[in-house]
């Protein structure tokens, strides 16, 4: 059986820290998380004027 959920997270430390935060958040209500698929990543500079997507 497969269950898919969507979790949004952010971090000032980078994409890796945001992914860890998302998994930690999901783990509060879901057990046995086997994999993570990152659909979209966005970044802004400190002034919030530049945004990029990966």
PDB file of N, CA and C in Angstrom:
ATOM      1  N   UNK A   1       0.845  -1.159   0.000  1.00  0.00           N
ATOM      2  CA  UNK A   1       0.000   0.000   0.000  1.00  0.00           C
ATOM      3  C   UNK A   1       0.895   1.228   0.000  1.00  0.00           C
ATOM      4  N   UNK A   2       0.462   2.245  -0.692  1.00  0.00           N
ATOM      5  CA  UNK A   2       1.203   3.491  -0.793  1.00  0.00           C
ATOM      6  C   UNK A   2       0.288   4.634  -0.393  1.00  0.00           C
ATOM      7  N   UNK A   3       0.812   5.518   0.419  1.00  0.00           N
ATOM      8  CA  UNK A   3       0.069   6.709   0.812  1.00  0.00           C
ATOM      9  C   UNK A   3       0.908   7.921   0.431  1.00  0.00           C
ATOM     10  N   UNK A   4       0.286   8.879  -0.228  1.00  0.00           N
ATOM     11  CA  UNK A   4       0.982  10.091  -0.653  1.00  0.00           C
ATOM     12  C   UNK A   4       0.392  11.262   0.108  1.00  0.00           C
ATOM     13  N   UNK A   5       1.270  12.063   0.722  1.00  0.00           N
ATOM     14  CA  UNK A   5       0.844  13.280   1.398  1.00  0.00           C
ATOM     15  C   UNK A   5       1.699  14.434   0.885  1.00  0.00           C
ATOM     16  N   UNK A   6       1.212  15.631   1.036  1.00  0.00           N
ATOM     17  CA  UNK A   6       1.963  16.822   0.625  1.00  0.00           C
ATOM     18  C   UNK A   6       2.319  17.612   1.868  1.00  0.00           C
ATOM     19  N   UNK A   7       3.591  17.960   1.991  1.00  0.00           N
ATOM     20  CA  UNK A   7       4.072  18.723   3.134  1.00  0.00           C
ATOM     21  C   UNK A   7       4.892  19.886   2.598  1.00  0.00           C
ATOM     22  N   UNK A   8       4.654  21.076   3.121  1.00  0.00           N
ATOM     23  CA  UNK A   8       5.418  22.256   2.745  1.00  0.00           C
ATOM     24  C   UNK A   8       6.347  22.625   3.892  1.00  0.00           C
ATOM     25  N   UNK A   9       7.577  23.000   3.572  1.00  0.00           N
ATOM     26  CA  UNK A   9       8.535  23.389   4.610  1.00  0.00           C
ATOM     27  C   UNK A   9       9.474  24.447   4.051  1.00  0.00           C
ATOM     28  N   UNK A  10      10.079  25.196   4.962  1.00  0.00           N
ATOM     29  CA  UNK A  10      11.058  26.200   4.559  1.00  0.00           C
ATOM     30  C   UNK A  10      12.172  26.254   5.588  1.00  0.00           C
ATOM     31  N   UNK A  11      13.300  26.797   5.158  1.00  0.00           N
ATOM     32  CA  UNK A  11      14.445  26.921   6.058  1.00  0.00           C
ATOM     33  C   UNK A  11      15.351  28.039   5.567  1.00  0.00           C
ATOM     34  N   UNK A  12      15.925  28.766   6.488  1.00  0.00           N
ATOM     35  CA  UNK A  12      16.934  29.768   6.155  1.00  0.00           C
ATOM     36  C   UNK A  12      18.290  29.114   5.923  1.00  0.00           C
ATOM     37  N   UNK A  13      18.412  27.827   6.254  1.00  0.00           N
ATOM     38  CA  UNK A  13      19.690  27.119   6.151  1.00  0.00           C
ATOM     39  C   UNK A  13      19.901  26.441   4.802  1.00  0.00           C
ATOM     40  N   UNK A  14      18.851  26.246   4.021  1.00  0.00           N
ATOM     41  CA  UNK A  14      19.010  25.628   2.713  1.00  0.00           C
ATOM     42  C   UNK A  14      17.979  24.559   2.434  1.00  0.00           C
ATOM     43  N   UNK A  15      18.078  23.984   1.225  1.00  0.00           N
ATOM     44  CA  UNK A  15      17.117  22.988   0.777  1.00  0.00           C
ATOM     45  C   UNK A  15      17.160  21.716   1.622  1.00  0.00           C
ATOM     46  N   UNK A  16      18.353  21.279   1.992  1.00  0.00           N
ATOM     47  CA  UNK A  16      18.488  20.056   2.784  1.00  0.00           C
ATOM     48  C   UNK A  16      17.792  20.201   4.139  1.00  0.00           C
ATOM     49  N   UNK A  17      17.970  21.327   4.784  1.00  0.00           N
ATOM     50  CA  UNK A  17      17.326  21.569   6.077  1.00  0.00           C
ATOM     51  C   UNK A  17      15.807  21.644   5.922  1.00  0.00           C
ATOM     52  N   UNK A  18      15.336  22.205   4.826  1.00  0.00           N
ATOM     53  CA  UNK A  18      13.892  22.264   4.580  1.00  0.00           C
ATOM     54  C   UNK A  18      13.325  20.864   4.371  1.00  0.00           C
ATOM     55  N   UNK A  19      14.049  20.018   3.649  1.00  0.00           N
ATOM     56  CA  UNK A  19      13.597  18.641   3.444  1.00  0.00           C
ATOM     57  C   UNK A  19      13.548  17.890   4.763  1.00  0.00           C
ATOM     58  N   UNK A  20      14.567  18.082   5.611  1.00  0.00           N
ATOM     59  CA  UNK A  20      14.558  17.421   6.937  1.00  0.00           C
ATOM     60  C   UNK A  20      13.386  17.902   7.769  1.00  0.00           C
ATOM     61  N   UNK A  21      13.071  19.198   7.701  1.00  0.00           N
ATOM     62  CA  UNK A  21      11.940  19.748   8.451  1.00  0.00           C
ATOM     63  C   UNK A  21      10.620  19.160   7.953  1.00  0.00           C
ATOM     64  N   UNK A  22      10.492  18.978   6.642  1.00  0.00           N
ATOM     65  CA  UNK A  22       9.267  18.397   6.079  1.00  0.00           C
ATOM     66  C   UNK A  22       9.088  16.962   6.539  1.00  0.00           C
ATOM     67  N   UNK A  23      10.166  16.191   6.532  1.00  0.00           N
ATOM     68  CA  UNK A  23      10.087  14.795   6.984  1.00  0.00           C
ATOM     69  C   UNK A  23       9.766  14.739   8.469  1.00  0.00           C
ATOM     70  N   UNK A  24      10.365  15.605   9.260  1.00  0.00           N
ATOM     71  CA  UNK A  24      10.077  15.629  10.701  1.00  0.00           C
ATOM     72  C   UNK A  24       8.615  15.976  10.951  1.00  0.00           C
ATOM     73  N   UNK A  25       8.086  16.900  10.161  1.00  0.00           N
ATOM     74  CA  UNK A  25       6.682  17.275  10.300  1.00  0.00           C
ATOM     75  C   UNK A  25       5.773  16.108   9.913  1.00  0.00           C
ATOM     76  N   UNK A  26       6.074  15.440   8.813  1.00  0.00           N
ATOM     77  CA  UNK A  26       5.264  14.302   8.370  1.00  0.00           C
ATOM     78  C   UNK A  26       5.340  13.152   9.364  1.00  0.00           C
ATOM     79  N   UNK A  27       6.498  12.959   9.982  1.00  0.00           N
ATOM     80  CA  UNK A  27       6.693  11.859  10.926  1.00  0.00           C
ATOM     81  C   UNK A  27       5.859  12.023  12.198  1.00  0.00           C
ATOM     82  N   UNK A  28       5.352  13.206  12.441  1.00  0.00           N
ATOM     83  CA  UNK A  28       4.489  13.414  13.606  1.00  0.00           C
ATOM     84  C   UNK A  28       3.162  12.686  13.460  1.00  0.00           C
ATOM     85  N   UNK A  29       2.724  12.470  12.220  1.00  0.00           N
ATOM     86  CA  UNK A  29       1.427  11.810  12.015  1.00  0.00           C
ATOM     87  C   UNK A  29       1.520  10.536  11.176  1.00  0.00           C
ATOM     88  N   UNK A  30       2.653  10.296  10.532  1.00  0.00           N
ATOM     89  CA  UNK A  30       2.816   9.114   9.679  1.00  0.00           C
ATOM     90  C   UNK A  30       3.969   8.260  10.184  1.00  0.00           C
ATOM     91  N   UNK A  31       3.802   6.949  10.097  1.00  0.00           N
ATOM     92  CA  UNK A  31       4.860   6.022  10.513  1.00  0.00           C
ATOM     93  C   UNK A  31       5.508   5.393   9.285  1.00  0.00           C
ATOM     94  N   UNK A  32       6.715   4.910   9.467  1.00  0.00           N
ATOM     95  CA  UNK A  32       7.419   4.131   8.436  1.00  0.00           C
ATOM     96  C   UNK A  32       7.562   4.875   7.106  1.00  0.00           C
ATOM     97  N   UNK A  33       8.013   6.109   7.158  1.00  0.00           N
ATOM     98  CA  UNK A  33       8.261   6.870   5.927  1.00  0.00           C
ATOM     99  C   UNK A  33       9.456   6.229   5.230  1.00  0.00           C
ATOM    100  N   UNK A  34       9.242   5.768   4.014  1.00  0.00           N
ATOM    101  CA  UNK A  34      10.274   5.034   3.283  1.00  0.00           C
ATOM    102  C   UNK A  34      11.009   5.892   2.251  1.00  0.00           C
ATOM    103  N   UNK A  35      10.331   6.895   1.704  1.00  0.00           N
ATOM    104  CA  UNK A  35      10.975   7.724   0.694  1.00  0.00           C
ATOM    105  C   UNK A  35      10.346   9.112   0.671  1.00  0.00           C
ATOM    106  N   UNK A  36      11.066  10.021   0.050  1.00  0.00           N
ATOM    107  CA  UNK A  36      10.622  11.402  -0.066  1.00  0.00           C
ATOM    108  C   UNK A  36      10.834  11.830  -1.517  1.00  0.00           C
ATOM    109  N   UNK A  37       9.836  12.472  -2.076  1.00  0.00           N
ATOM    110  CA  UNK A  37       9.931  13.029  -3.421  1.00  0.00           C
ATOM    111  C   UNK A  37       9.784  14.540  -3.301  1.00  0.00           C
ATOM    112  N   UNK A  38      10.783  15.271  -3.719  1.00  0.00           N
ATOM    113  CA  UNK A  38      10.732  16.732  -3.660  1.00  0.00           C
ATOM    114  C   UNK A  38      10.291  17.223  -5.023  1.00  0.00           C
ATOM    115  N   UNK A  39       9.110  17.819  -5.058  1.00  0.00           N
ATOM    116  CA  UNK A  39       8.517  18.239  -6.321  1.00  0.00           C
ATOM    117  C   UNK A  39       9.068  19.574  -6.795  1.00  0.00           C
ATOM    118  N   UNK A  40       9.269  20.497  -5.885  1.00  0.00           N
ATOM    119  CA  UNK A  40       9.651  21.847  -6.290  1.00  0.00           C
ATOM    120  C   UNK A  40      10.496  22.500  -5.203  1.00  0.00           C
ATOM    121  N   UNK A  41      11.500  23.275  -5.623  1.00  0.00           N
ATOM    122  CA  UNK A  41      12.324  24.032  -4.688  1.00  0.00           C
ATOM    123  C   UNK A  41      12.406  25.470  -5.197  1.00  0.00           C
ATOM    124  N   UNK A  42      12.250  26.419  -4.301  1.00  0.00           N
ATOM    125  CA  UNK A  42      12.344  27.839  -4.650  1.00  0.00           C
ATOM    126  C   UNK A  42      13.315  28.521  -3.699  1.00  0.00           C
ATOM    127  N   UNK A  43      13.963  29.581  -4.183  1.00  0.00           N
ATOM    128  CA  UNK A  43      14.904  30.321  -3.341  1.00  0.00           C
ATOM    129  C   UNK A  43      14.738  31.820  -3.568  1.00  0.00           C
ATOM    130  N   UNK A  44      14.993  32.588  -2.520  1.00  0.00           N
ATOM    131  CA  UNK A  44      14.985  34.045  -2.591  1.00  0.00           C
ATOM    132  C   UNK A  44      16.222  34.569  -1.880  1.00  0.00           C
ATOM    133  N   UNK A  45      16.674  35.752  -2.296  1.00  0.00           N
ATOM    134  CA  UNK A  45      17.772  36.376  -1.571  1.00  0.00           C
ATOM    135  C   UNK A  45      17.225  37.060  -0.317  1.00  0.00           C
ATOM    136  N   UNK A  46      18.072  37.639   0.479  1.00  0.00           N
ATOM    137  CA  UNK A  46      17.671  38.231   1.759  1.00  0.00           C
ATOM    138  C   UNK A  46      16.657  39.359   1.583  1.00  0.00           C
ATOM    139  N   UNK A  47      16.721  40.064   0.470  1.00  0.00           N
ATOM    140  CA  UNK A  47      15.782  41.157   0.216  1.00  0.00           C
ATOM    141  C   UNK A  47      14.467  40.656  -0.371  1.00  0.00           C
ATOM    142  N   UNK A  48      14.436  39.389  -0.754  1.00  0.00           N
ATOM    143  CA  UNK A  48      13.226  38.814  -1.325  1.00  0.00           C
ATOM    144  C   UNK A  48      12.963  39.245  -2.758  1.00  0.00           C
ATOM    145  N   UNK A  49      14.001  39.756  -3.444  1.00  0.00           N
ATOM    146  CA  UNK A  49      13.783  40.286  -4.790  1.00  0.00           C
ATOM    147  C   UNK A  49      14.077  39.277  -5.894  1.00  0.00           C
ATOM    148  N   UNK A  50      14.799  38.226  -5.603  1.00  0.00           N
ATOM    149  CA  UNK A  50      15.149  37.244  -6.638  1.00  0.00           C
ATOM    150  C   UNK A  50      14.595  35.890  -6.255  1.00  0.00           C
ATOM    151  N   UNK A  51      13.875  35.270  -7.160  1.00  0.00           N
ATOM    152  CA  UNK A  51      13.330  33.949  -6.891  1.00  0.00           C
ATOM    153  C   UNK A  51      13.734  33.020  -8.025  1.00  0.00           C
ATOM    154  N   UNK A  52      14.140  31.832  -7.673  1.00  0.00           N
ATOM    155  CA  UNK A  52      14.461  30.829  -8.674  1.00  0.00           C
ATOM    156  C   UNK A  52      13.780  29.518  -8.318  1.00  0.00           C
ATOM    157  N   UNK A  53      13.482  28.734  -9.304  1.00  0.00           N
ATOM    158  CA  UNK A  53      12.869  27.422  -9.092  1.00  0.00           C
ATOM    159  C   UNK A  53      13.802  26.367  -9.621  1.00  0.00           C
ATOM    160  N   UNK A  54      13.783  25.232  -8.977  1.00  0.00           N
ATOM    161  CA  UNK A  54      14.582  24.092  -9.418  1.00  0.00           C
ATOM    162  C   UNK A  54      13.678  22.930  -9.660  1.00  0.00           C
TER     163      UNK A  54
END
